[in-house]
Amino acid sequence: MGIAGTRSESLRRLQVGLSGLAAIVLMLALANVIMDRANRTEAASVPDAAATVLPPPVHSQQNDPLADAGVVPDVPARPAPTPTSTQVPVIVLDPDDATDPE
């Protein structure tokens, strides 16, 4: 008896090898059919489907994600009014430099 074995053993190994190759070819064909079907479905679908949720509201004021999440208090839309500039008295150190009101 050699490495190859008997004739029936050689035929059995050949049948198993050919069955394995046939199984691989069938699996590749099945994968090809599935991918082809997926590509056809994707091509037939609506390209820009409508959103299923409402978009977040657009704020005209400054965007603050922490305030939107409720982590910090909301900043008012308009800042508190600041006092207008007032007349600052002029201090004259040398009386000769002062202008005469005459």
PDB file of N, CA and C in Angstrom:
ATOM      1  N   MET A   1       0.823  -1.170   0.000  1.00  0.00           N
ATOM      2  CA  MET A   1       0.000   0.000   0.000  1.00  0.00           C
ATOM      3  C   MET A   1       0.875   1.244   0.000  1.00  0.00           C
ATOM      4  N   GLY A   2       0.525   2.206  -0.832  1.00  0.00           N
ATOM      5  CA  GLY A   2       1.298   3.424  -0.946  1.00  0.00           C
ATOM      6  C   GLY A   2       0.602   4.581  -0.219  1.00  0.00           C
ATOM      7  N   ILE A   3       1.080   5.768  -0.487  1.00  0.00           N
ATOM      8  CA  ILE A   3       0.525   6.959   0.139  1.00  0.00           C
ATOM      9  C   ILE A   3      -0.881   7.224  -0.389  1.00  0.00           C
ATOM     10  N   ALA A   4      -1.131   6.923  -1.631  1.00  0.00           N
ATOM     11  CA  ALA A   4      -2.416   7.214  -2.234  1.00  0.00           C
ATOM     12  C   ALA A   4      -3.507   6.299  -1.701  1.00  0.00           C
ATOM     13  N   GLY A   5      -3.229   5.166  -1.217  1.00  0.00           N
ATOM     14  CA  GLY A   5      -4.237   4.239  -0.710  1.00  0.00           C
ATOM     15  C   GLY A   5      -4.865   3.459  -1.839  1.00  0.00           C
ATOM     16  N   THR A   6      -5.998   2.882  -1.549  1.00  0.00           N
ATOM     17  CA  THR A   6      -6.679   2.083  -2.555  1.00  0.00           C
ATOM     18  C   THR A   6      -7.440   2.990  -3.517  1.00  0.00           C
ATOM     19  N   ARG A   7      -7.920   2.387  -4.560  1.00  0.00           N
ATOM     20  CA  ARG A   7      -8.652   3.144  -5.571  1.00  0.00           C
ATOM     21  C   ARG A   7      -9.927   3.728  -4.984  1.00  0.00           C
ATOM     22  N   SER A   8     -10.642   3.020  -4.141  1.00  0.00           N
ATOM     23  CA  SER A   8     -11.889   3.514  -3.548  1.00  0.00           C
ATOM     24  C   SER A   8     -11.630   4.700  -2.607  1.00  0.00           C
ATOM     25  N   GLU A   9     -10.498   4.677  -1.887  1.00  0.00           N
ATOM     26  CA  GLU A   9     -10.154   5.804  -1.018  1.00  0.00           C
ATOM     27  C   GLU A   9      -9.838   7.053  -1.854  1.00  0.00           C
ATOM     28  N   SER A  10      -9.153   6.863  -2.954  1.00  0.00           N
ATOM     29  CA  SER A  10      -8.836   7.997  -3.834  1.00  0.00           C
ATOM     30  C   SER A  10     -10.112   8.603  -4.410  1.00  0.00           C
ATOM     31  N   LEU A  11     -11.053   7.746  -4.831  1.00  0.00           N
ATOM     32  CA  LEU A  11     -12.323   8.259  -5.347  1.00  0.00           C
ATOM     33  C   LEU A  11     -13.105   9.006  -4.258  1.00  0.00           C
ATOM     34  N   ARG A  12     -13.053   8.482  -3.041  1.00  0.00           N
ATOM     35  CA  ARG A  12     -13.764   9.142  -1.938  1.00  0.00           C
ATOM     36  C   ARG A  12     -13.170  10.531  -1.675  1.00  0.00           C
ATOM     37  N   ARG A  13     -11.841  10.654  -1.651  1.00  0.00           N
ATOM     38  CA  ARG A  13     -11.195  11.959  -1.449  1.00  0.00           C
ATOM     39  C   ARG A  13     -11.538  12.916  -2.589  1.00  0.00           C
ATOM     40  N   LEU A  14     -11.589  12.410  -3.797  1.00  0.00           N
ATOM     41  CA  LEU A  14     -11.957  13.229  -4.945  1.00  0.00           C
ATOM     42  C   LEU A  14     -13.393  13.718  -4.830  1.00  0.00           C
ATOM     43  N   GLN A  15     -14.304  12.871  -4.377  1.00  0.00           N
ATOM     44  CA  GLN A  15     -15.709  13.265  -4.189  1.00  0.00           C
ATOM     45  C   GLN A  15     -15.832  14.335  -3.108  1.00  0.00           C
ATOM     46  N   VAL A  16     -15.115  14.175  -2.017  1.00  0.00           N
ATOM     47  CA  VAL A  16     -15.170  15.163  -0.925  1.00  0.00           C
ATOM     48  C   VAL A  16     -14.614  16.508  -1.404  1.00  0.00           C
ATOM     49  N   GLY A  17     -13.513  16.494  -2.145  1.00  0.00           N
ATOM     50  CA  GLY A  17     -12.922  17.733  -2.652  1.00  0.00           C
ATOM     51  C   GLY A  17     -13.841  18.439  -3.622  1.00  0.00           C
ATOM     52  N   LEU A  18     -14.447  17.668  -4.548  1.00  0.00           N
ATOM     53  CA  LEU A  18     -15.366  18.270  -5.506  1.00  0.00           C
ATOM     54  C   LEU A  18     -16.630  18.781  -4.816  1.00  0.00           C
ATOM     55  N   SER A  19     -17.102  18.092  -3.796  1.00  0.00           N
ATOM     56  CA  SER A  19     -18.272  18.565  -3.036  1.00  0.00           C
ATOM     57  C   SER A  19     -17.951  19.883  -2.321  1.00  0.00           C
ATOM     58  N   GLY A  20     -16.756  20.008  -1.774  1.00  0.00           N
ATOM     59  CA  GLY A  20     -16.333  21.247  -1.120  1.00  0.00           C
ATOM     60  C   GLY A  20     -16.270  22.404  -2.108  1.00  0.00           C
ATOM     61  N   LEU A  21     -15.705  22.147  -3.278  1.00  0.00           N
ATOM     62  CA  LEU A  21     -15.653  23.192  -4.301  1.00  0.00           C
ATOM     63  C   LEU A  21     -17.052  23.604  -4.749  1.00  0.00           C
ATOM     64  N   ALA A  22     -17.954  22.627  -4.920  1.00  0.00           N
ATOM     65  CA  ALA A  22     -19.334  22.936  -5.319  1.00  0.00           C
ATOM     66  C   ALA A  22     -20.022  23.765  -4.237  1.00  0.00           C
ATOM     67  N   ALA A  23     -19.780  23.453  -2.958  1.00  0.00           N
ATOM     68  CA  ALA A  23     -20.385  24.216  -1.865  1.00  0.00           C
ATOM     69  C   ALA A  23     -19.886  25.661  -1.877  1.00  0.00           C
ATOM     70  N   ILE A  24     -18.600  25.861  -2.121  1.00  0.00           N
ATOM     71  CA  ILE A  24     -18.036  27.216  -2.159  1.00  0.00           C
ATOM     72  C   ILE A  24     -18.635  28.007  -3.325  1.00  0.00           C
ATOM     73  N   VAL A  25     -18.763  27.379  -4.494  1.00  0.00           N
ATOM     74  CA  VAL A  25     -19.346  28.055  -5.654  1.00  0.00           C
ATOM     75  C   VAL A  25     -20.797  28.430  -5.373  1.00  0.00           C
ATOM     76  N   LEU A  26     -21.557  27.541  -4.735  1.00  0.00           N
ATOM     77  CA  LEU A  26     -22.949  27.850  -4.398  1.00  0.00           C
ATOM     78  C   LEU A  26     -23.045  29.008  -3.396  1.00  0.00           C
ATOM     79  N   MET A  27     -22.145  29.034  -2.423  1.00  0.00           N
ATOM     80  CA  MET A  27     -22.158  30.131  -1.441  1.00  0.00           C
ATOM     81  C   MET A  27     -21.830  31.466  -2.115  1.00  0.00           C
ATOM     82  N   LEU A  28     -20.865  31.458  -3.036  1.00  0.00           N
ATOM     83  CA  LEU A  28     -20.532  32.686  -3.754  1.00  0.00           C
ATOM     84  C   LEU A  28     -21.700  33.149  -4.627  1.00  0.00           C
ATOM     85  N   ALA A  29     -22.393  32.210  -5.258  1.00  0.00           N
ATOM     86  CA  ALA A  29     -23.550  32.571  -6.083  1.00  0.00           C
ATOM     87  C   ALA A  29     -24.660  33.158  -5.224  1.00  0.00           C
ATOM     88  N   LEU A  30     -24.890  32.590  -4.047  1.00  0.00           N
ATOM     89  CA  LEU A  30     -25.909  33.104  -3.130  1.00  0.00           C
ATOM     90  C   LEU A  30     -25.547  34.518  -2.653  1.00  0.00           C
ATOM     91  N   ALA A  31     -24.289  34.730  -2.317  1.00  0.00           N
ATOM     92  CA  ALA A  31     -23.841  36.063  -1.903  1.00  0.00           C
ATOM     93  C   ALA A  31     -24.017  37.073  -3.031  1.00  0.00           C
ATOM     94  N   ASN A  32     -23.751  36.661  -4.259  1.00  0.00           N
ATOM     95  CA  ASN A  32     -23.917  37.544  -5.408  1.00  0.00           C
ATOM     96  C   ASN A  32     -25.385  37.917  -5.599  1.00  0.00           C
ATOM     97  N   VAL A  33     -26.285  36.955  -5.441  1.00  0.00           N
ATOM     98  CA  VAL A  33     -27.721  37.225  -5.570  1.00  0.00           C
ATOM     99  C   VAL A  33     -28.170  38.207  -4.492  1.00  0.00           C
ATOM    100  N   ILE A  34     -27.701  38.002  -3.267  1.00  0.00           N
ATOM    101  CA  ILE A  34     -28.092  38.888  -2.152  1.00  0.00           C
ATOM    102  C   ILE A  34     -27.582  40.307  -2.399  1.00  0.00           C
ATOM    103  N   MET A  35     -26.340  40.454  -2.831  1.00  0.00           N
ATOM    104  CA  MET A  35     -25.790  41.787  -3.084  1.00  0.00           C
ATOM    105  C   MET A  35     -26.499  42.468  -4.247  1.00  0.00           C
ATOM    106  N   ASP A  36     -26.839  41.711  -5.289  1.00  0.00           N
ATOM    107  CA  ASP A  36     -27.562  42.273  -6.424  1.00  0.00           C
ATOM    108  C   ASP A  36     -28.932  42.778  -5.990  1.00  0.00           C
ATOM    109  N   ARG A  37     -29.620  42.008  -5.159  1.00  0.00           N
ATOM    110  CA  ARG A  37     -30.941  42.412  -4.663  1.00  0.00           C
ATOM    111  C   ARG A  37     -30.832  43.661  -3.779  1.00  0.00           C
ATOM    112  N   ALA A  38     -29.795  43.722  -2.948  1.00  0.00           N
ATOM    113  CA  ALA A  38     -29.603  44.895  -2.091  1.00  0.00           C
ATOM    114  C   ALA A  38     -29.324  46.146  -2.925  1.00  0.00           C
ATOM    115  N   ASN A  39     -28.523  46.009  -3.970  1.00  0.00           N
ATOM    116  CA  ASN A  39     -28.228  47.162  -4.835  1.00  0.00           C
ATOM    117  C   ASN A  39     -29.472  47.637  -5.580  1.00  0.00           C
ATOM    118  N   ARG A  40     -30.312  46.710  -6.036  1.00  0.00           N
ATOM    119  CA  ARG A  40     -31.547  47.098  -6.716  1.00  0.00           C
ATOM    120  C   ARG A  40     -32.500  47.804  -5.753  1.00  0.00           C
ATOM    121  N   THR A  41     -32.593  47.311  -4.529  1.00  0.00           N
ATOM    122  CA  THR A  41     -33.478  47.926  -3.534  1.00  0.00           C
ATOM    123  C   THR A  41     -32.999  49.331  -3.186  1.00  0.00           C
ATOM    124  N   GLU A  42     -31.691  49.487  -3.044  1.00  0.00           N
ATOM    125  CA  GLU A  42     -31.141  50.804  -2.712  1.00  0.00           C
ATOM    126  C   GLU A  42     -31.362  51.789  -3.849  1.00  0.00           C
ATOM    127  N   ALA A  43     -31.226  51.333  -5.081  1.00  0.00           N
ATOM    128  CA  ALA A  43     -31.420  52.221  -6.228  1.00  0.00           C
ATOM    129  C   ALA A  43     -32.880  52.631  -6.374  1.00  0.00           C
ATOM    130  N   ALA A  44     -33.804  51.776  -5.949  1.00  0.00           N
ATOM    131  CA  ALA A  44     -35.223  52.084  -6.086  1.00  0.00           C
ATOM    132  C   ALA A  44     -35.760  52.892  -4.908  1.00  0.00           C
ATOM    133  N   SER A  45     -34.991  53.020  -3.850  1.00  0.00           N
ATOM    134  CA  SER A  45     -35.476  53.749  -2.675  1.00  0.00           C
ATOM    135  C   SER A  45     -35.449  55.252  -2.927  1.00  0.00           C
ATOM    136  N   VAL A  46     -36.151  55.999  -2.082  1.00  0.00           N
ATOM    137  CA  VAL A  46     -36.201  57.454  -2.187  1.00  0.00           C
ATOM    138  C   VAL A  46     -34.845  57.999  -1.737  1.00  0.00           C
ATOM    139  N   PRO A  47     -34.169  58.800  -2.572  1.00  0.00           N
ATOM    140  CA  PRO A  47     -32.830  59.253  -2.208  1.00  0.00           C
ATOM    141  C   PRO A  47     -32.795  60.177  -0.994  1.00  0.00           C
ATOM    142  N   ASP A  48     -33.758  61.101  -0.914  1.00  0.00           N
ATOM    143  CA  ASP A  48     -33.782  62.038   0.208  1.00  0.00           C
ATOM    144  C   ASP A  48     -35.089  61.848   0.957  1.00  0.00           C
ATOM    145  N   ALA A  49     -35.122  60.851   1.819  1.00  0.00           N
ATOM    146  CA  ALA A  49     -36.333  60.587   2.581  1.00  0.00           C
ATOM    147  C   ALA A  49     -36.543  61.694   3.603  1.00  0.00           C
ATOM    148  N   ALA A  50     -37.785  61.968   3.923  1.00  0.00           N
ATOM    149  CA  ALA A  50     -38.115  63.007   4.900  1.00  0.00           C
ATOM    150  C   ALA A  50     -37.698  62.546   6.295  1.00  0.00           C
ATOM    151  N   ALA A  51     -37.319  63.497   7.107  1.00  0.00           N
ATOM    152  CA  ALA A  51     -36.919  63.177   8.470  1.00  0.00           C
ATOM    153  C   ALA A  51     -38.124  62.729   9.270  1.00  0.00           C
ATOM    154  N   THR A  52     -37.901  61.787  10.182  1.00  0.00           N
ATOM    155  CA  THR A  52     -38.997  61.279  10.991  1.00  0.00           C
ATOM    156  C   THR A  52     -39.120  62.023  12.313  1.00  0.00           C
ATOM    157  N   VAL A  53     -38.178  62.879  12.629  1.00  0.00           N
ATOM    158  CA  VAL A  53     -38.230  63.677  13.852  1.00  0.00           C
ATOM    159  C   VAL A  53     -38.148  65.142  13.476  1.00  0.00           C
ATOM    160  N   LEU A  54     -38.638  65.984  14.343  1.00  0.00           N
ATOM    161  CA  LEU A  54     -38.577  67.425  14.096  1.00  0.00           C
ATOM    162  C   LEU A  54     -37.157  67.921  14.299  1.00  0.00           C
ATOM    163  N   PRO A  55     -36.695  68.847  13.482  1.00  0.00           N
ATOM    164  CA  PRO A  55     -35.359  69.402  13.693  1.00  0.00           C
ATOM    165  C   PRO A  55     -35.363  70.275  14.939  1.00  0.00           C
ATOM    166  N   PRO A  56     -34.210  70.452  15.562  1.00  0.00           N
ATOM    167  CA  PRO A  56     -34.153  71.312  16.740  1.00  0.00           C
ATOM    168  C   PRO A  56     -34.491  72.746  16.359  1.00  0.00           C
ATOM    169  N   PRO A  57     -35.093  73.504  17.272  1.00  0.00           N
ATOM    170  CA  PRO A  57     -35.451  74.889  16.949  1.00  0.00           C
ATOM    171  C   PRO A  57     -34.206  75.728  16.687  1.00  0.00           C
ATOM    172  N   VAL A  58     -34.341  76.643  15.747  1.00  0.00           N
ATOM    173  CA  VAL A  58     -33.228  77.523  15.398  1.00  0.00           C
ATOM    174  C   VAL A  58     -33.338  78.764  16.279  1.00  0.00           C
ATOM    175  N   HIS A  59     -32.276  79.066  16.984  1.00  0.00           N
ATOM    176  CA  HIS A  59     -32.266  80.232  17.869  1.00  0.00           C
ATOM    177  C   HIS A  59     -31.644  81.405  17.130  1.00  0.00           C
ATOM    178  N   SER A  60     -32.283  82.559  17.241  1.00  0.00           N
ATOM    179  CA  SER A  60     -31.713  83.745  16.620  1.00  0.00           C
ATOM    180  C   SER A  60     -30.617  84.338  17.487  1.00  0.00           C
ATOM    181  N   GLN A  61     -30.601  83.946  18.754  1.00  0.00           N
ATOM    182  CA  GLN A  61     -29.562  84.456  19.640  1.00  0.00           C
ATOM    183  C   GLN A  61     -28.348  83.552  19.555  1.00  0.00           C
ATOM    184  N   GLN A  62     -27.371  83.819  20.362  1.00  0.00           N
ATOM    185  CA  GLN A  62     -26.127  83.057  20.318  1.00  0.00           C
ATOM    186  C   GLN A  62     -26.395  81.614  20.715  1.00  0.00           C
ATOM    187  N   ASN A  63     -25.720  80.685  20.064  1.00  0.00           N
ATOM    188  CA  ASN A  63     -25.914  79.263  20.299  1.00  0.00           C
ATOM    189  C   ASN A  63     -25.062  78.828  21.484  1.00  0.00           C
ATOM    190  N   ASP A  64     -25.693  78.316  22.538  1.00  0.00           N
ATOM    191  CA  ASP A  64     -24.991  77.853  23.721  1.00  0.00           C
ATOM    192  C   ASP A  64     -25.460  76.445  24.038  1.00  0.00           C
ATOM    193  N   PRO A  65     -24.690  75.419  23.678  1.00  0.00           N
ATOM    194  CA  PRO A  65     -25.145  74.048  23.872  1.00  0.00           C
ATOM    195  C   PRO A  65     -25.378  73.698  25.334  1.00  0.00           C
ATOM    196  N   LEU A  66     -24.605  74.280  26.252  1.00  0.00           N
ATOM    197  CA  LEU A  66     -24.812  73.979  27.668  1.00  0.00           C
ATOM    198  C   LEU A  66     -26.143  74.534  28.150  1.00  0.00           C
ATOM    199  N   ALA A  67     -26.496  75.728  27.709  1.00  0.00           N
ATOM    200  CA  ALA A  67     -27.781  76.298  28.098  1.00  0.00           C
ATOM    201  C   ALA A  67     -28.923  75.511  27.475  1.00  0.00           C
ATOM    202  N   ASP A  68     -28.749  75.041  26.243  1.00  0.00           N
ATOM    203  CA  ASP A  68     -29.786  74.240  25.605  1.00  0.00           C
ATOM    204  C   ASP A  68     -29.990  72.925  26.343  1.00  0.00           C
ATOM    205  N   ALA A  69     -28.918  72.368  26.894  1.00  0.00           N
ATOM    206  CA  ALA A  69     -29.020  71.109  27.630  1.00  0.00           C
ATOM    207  C   ALA A  69     -29.535  71.328  29.042  1.00  0.00           C
ATOM    208  N   GLY A  70     -29.625  72.573  29.484  1.00  0.00           N
ATOM    209  CA  GLY A  70     -30.128  72.863  30.822  1.00  0.00           C
ATOM    210  C   GLY A  70     -29.066  72.777  31.894  1.00  0.00           C
ATOM    211  N   VAL A  71     -27.792  72.786  31.510  1.00  0.00           N
ATOM    212  CA  VAL A  71     -26.719  72.678  32.486  1.00  0.00           C
ATOM    213  C   VAL A  71     -26.457  74.019  33.155  1.00  0.00           C
ATOM    214  N   VAL A  72     -26.562  75.106  32.413  1.00  0.00           N
ATOM    215  CA  VAL A  72     -26.352  76.437  32.961  1.00  0.00           C
ATOM    216  C   VAL A  72     -27.610  77.255  32.717  1.00  0.00           C
ATOM    217  N   PRO A  73     -27.838  78.283  33.493  1.00  0.00           N
ATOM    218  CA  PRO A  73     -29.032  79.094  33.257  1.00  0.00           C
ATOM    219  C   PRO A  73     -28.954  79.814  31.925  1.00  0.00           C
ATOM    220  N   ASP A  74     -30.125  80.064  31.361  1.00  0.00           N
ATOM    221  CA  ASP A  74     -30.204  80.764  30.076  1.00  0.00           C
ATOM    222  C   ASP A  74     -29.720  82.199  30.216  1.00  0.00           C
ATOM    223  N   VAL A  75     -28.985  82.648  29.230  1.00  0.00           N
ATOM    224  CA  VAL A  75     -28.535  84.030  29.174  1.00  0.00           C
ATOM    225  C   VAL A  75     -29.623  84.816  28.450  1.00  0.00           C
ATOM    226  N   PRO A  76     -30.035  85.983  28.969  1.00  0.00           N
ATOM    227  CA  PRO A  76     -31.078  86.728  28.274  1.00  0.00           C
ATOM    228  C   PRO A  76     -30.636  87.116  26.869  1.00  0.00           C
ATOM    229  N   ALA A  77     -31.613  87.279  25.980  1.00  0.00           N
ATOM    230  CA  ALA A  77     -31.314  87.593  24.579  1.00  0.00           C
ATOM    231  C   ALA A  77     -30.643  88.956  24.451  1.00  0.00           C
ATOM    232  N   ARG A  78     -31.079  89.934  25.248  1.00  0.00           N
ATOM    233  CA  ARG A  78     -30.477  91.266  25.216  1.00  0.00           C
ATOM    234  C   ARG A  78     -29.730  91.490  26.524  1.00  0.00           C
ATOM    235  N   PRO A  79     -28.539  92.023  26.460  1.00  0.00           N
ATOM    236  CA  PRO A  79     -27.819  92.303  27.705  1.00  0.00           C
ATOM    237  C   PRO A  79     -28.495  93.436  28.476  1.00  0.00           C
ATOM    238  N   ALA A  80     -28.265  93.464  29.759  1.00  0.00           N
ATOM    239  CA  ALA A  80     -28.834  94.509  30.603  1.00  0.00           C
ATOM    240  C   ALA A  80     -28.302  95.864  30.137  1.00  0.00           C
ATOM    241  N   PRO A  81     -29.155  96.877  30.119  1.00  0.00           N
ATOM    242  CA  PRO A  81     -28.683  98.190  29.648  1.00  0.00           C
ATOM    243  C   PRO A  81     -27.619  98.750  30.585  1.00  0.00           C
ATOM    244  N   THR A  82     -26.605  99.338  29.992  1.00  0.00           N
ATOM    245  CA  THR A  82     -25.538  99.947  30.778  1.00  0.00           C
ATOM    246  C   THR A  82     -25.822 101.437  30.897  1.00  0.00           C
ATOM    247  N   PRO A  83     -25.428 102.033  31.986  1.00  0.00           N
ATOM    248  CA  PRO A  83     -25.674 103.477  32.122  1.00  0.00           C
ATOM    249  C   PRO A  83     -24.901 104.243  31.055  1.00  0.00           C
ATOM    250  N   THR A  84     -25.504 105.335  30.593  1.00  0.00           N
ATOM    251  CA  THR A  84     -24.848 106.160  29.583  1.00  0.00           C
ATOM    252  C   THR A  84     -23.686 106.901  30.211  1.00  0.00           C
ATOM    253  N   SER A  85     -22.814 107.342  29.374  1.00  0.00           N
ATOM    254  CA  SER A  85     -21.644 108.044  29.902  1.00  0.00           C
ATOM    255  C   SER A  85     -22.083 109.344  30.568  1.00  0.00           C
ATOM    256  N   THR A  86     -21.459 109.663  31.651  1.00  0.00           N
ATOM    257  CA  THR A  86     -21.793 110.890  32.394  1.00  0.00           C
ATOM    258  C   THR A  86     -20.629 111.868  32.274  1.00  0.00           C
ATOM    259  N   GLN A  87     -20.920 113.128  32.554  1.00  0.00           N
ATOM    260  CA  GLN A  87     -19.887 114.155  32.518  1.00  0.00           C
ATOM    261  C   GLN A  87     -18.923 113.926  33.670  1.00  0.00           C
ATOM    262  N   VAL A  88     -17.657 113.818  33.333  1.00  0.00           N
ATOM    263  CA  VAL A  88     -16.630 113.645  34.349  1.00  0.00           C
ATOM    264  C   VAL A  88     -16.076 115.029  34.657  1.00  0.00           C
ATOM    265  N   PRO A  89     -16.047 115.406  35.945  1.00  0.00           N
ATOM    266  CA  PRO A  89     -15.512 116.735  36.267  1.00  0.00           C
ATOM    267  C   PRO A  89     -14.024 116.803  35.931  1.00  0.00           C
ATOM    268  N   VAL A  90     -13.624 117.935  35.411  1.00  0.00           N
ATOM    269  CA  VAL A  90     -12.224 118.152  35.061  1.00  0.00           C
ATOM    270  C   VAL A  90     -11.533 118.744  36.269  1.00  0.00           C
ATOM    271  N   ILE A  91     -10.464 118.128  36.642  1.00  0.00           N
ATOM    272  CA  ILE A  91      -9.711 118.609  37.808  1.00  0.00           C
ATOM    273  C   ILE A  91      -8.511 119.388  37.278  1.00  0.00           C
ATOM    274  N   VAL A  92      -8.411 120.626  37.719  1.00  0.00           N
ATOM    275  CA  VAL A  92      -7.323 121.494  37.277  1.00  0.00           C
ATOM    276  C   VAL A  92      -6.319 121.561  38.404  1.00  0.00           C
ATOM    277  N   LEU A  93      -5.090 121.194  38.100  1.00  0.00           N
ATOM    278  CA  LEU A  93      -4.067 121.202  39.131  1.00  0.00           C
ATOM    279  C   LEU A  93      -3.410 122.571  39.268  1.00  0.00           C
ATOM    280  N   ASP A  94      -3.293 123.290  38.176  1.00  0.00           N
ATOM    281  CA  ASP A  94      -2.661 124.594  38.230  1.00  0.00           C
ATOM    282  C   ASP A  94      -3.718 125.644  37.930  1.00  0.00           C
ATOM    283  N   PRO A  95      -3.962 126.568  38.837  1.00  0.00           N
ATOM    284  CA  PRO A  95      -5.024 127.547  38.613  1.00  0.00           C
ATOM    285  C   PRO A  95      -4.727 128.452  37.399  1.00  0.00           C
ATOM    286  N   ASP A  96      -3.490 128.605  37.004  1.00  0.00           N
ATOM    287  CA  ASP A  96      -3.173 129.452  35.848  1.00  0.00           C
ATOM    288  C   ASP A  96      -3.614 128.801  34.541  1.00  0.00           C
ATOM    289  N   ASP A  97      -3.729 127.458  34.527  1.00  0.00           N
ATOM    290  CA  ASP A  97      -4.126 126.745  33.310  1.00  0.00           C
ATOM    291  C   ASP A  97      -5.634 126.762  33.098  1.00  0.00           C
ATOM    292  N   ALA A  98      -6.334 127.135  34.087  1.00  0.00           N
ATOM    293  CA  ALA A  98      -7.786 127.120  33.980  1.00  0.00           C
ATOM    294  C   ALA A  98      -8.226 128.240  33.063  1.00  0.00           C
ATOM    295  N   THR A  99      -9.271 128.014  32.345  1.00  0.00           N
ATOM    296  CA  THR A  99      -9.803 129.057  31.453  1.00  0.00           C
ATOM    297  C   THR A  99     -10.718 129.955  32.270  1.00  0.00           C
ATOM    298  N   ASP A 100     -10.665 131.210  31.960  1.00  0.00           N
ATOM    299  CA  ASP A 100     -11.512 132.167  32.669  1.00  0.00           C
ATOM    300  C   ASP A 100     -12.901 132.127  32.098  1.00  0.00           C
ATOM    301  N   PRO A 101     -13.915 132.086  32.942  1.00  0.00           N
ATOM    302  CA  PRO A 101     -15.264 132.088  32.452  1.00  0.00           C
ATOM    303  C   PRO A 101     -15.705 133.470  31.984  1.00  0.00           C
ATOM    304  N   GLU A 102     -14.855 134.445  32.055  1.00  0.00           N
ATOM    305  CA  GLU A 102     -15.209 135.815  31.706  1.00  0.00           C
ATOM    306  C   GLU A 102     -15.436 135.998  30.276  1.00  0.00           C
TER     307      GLU A 102
END
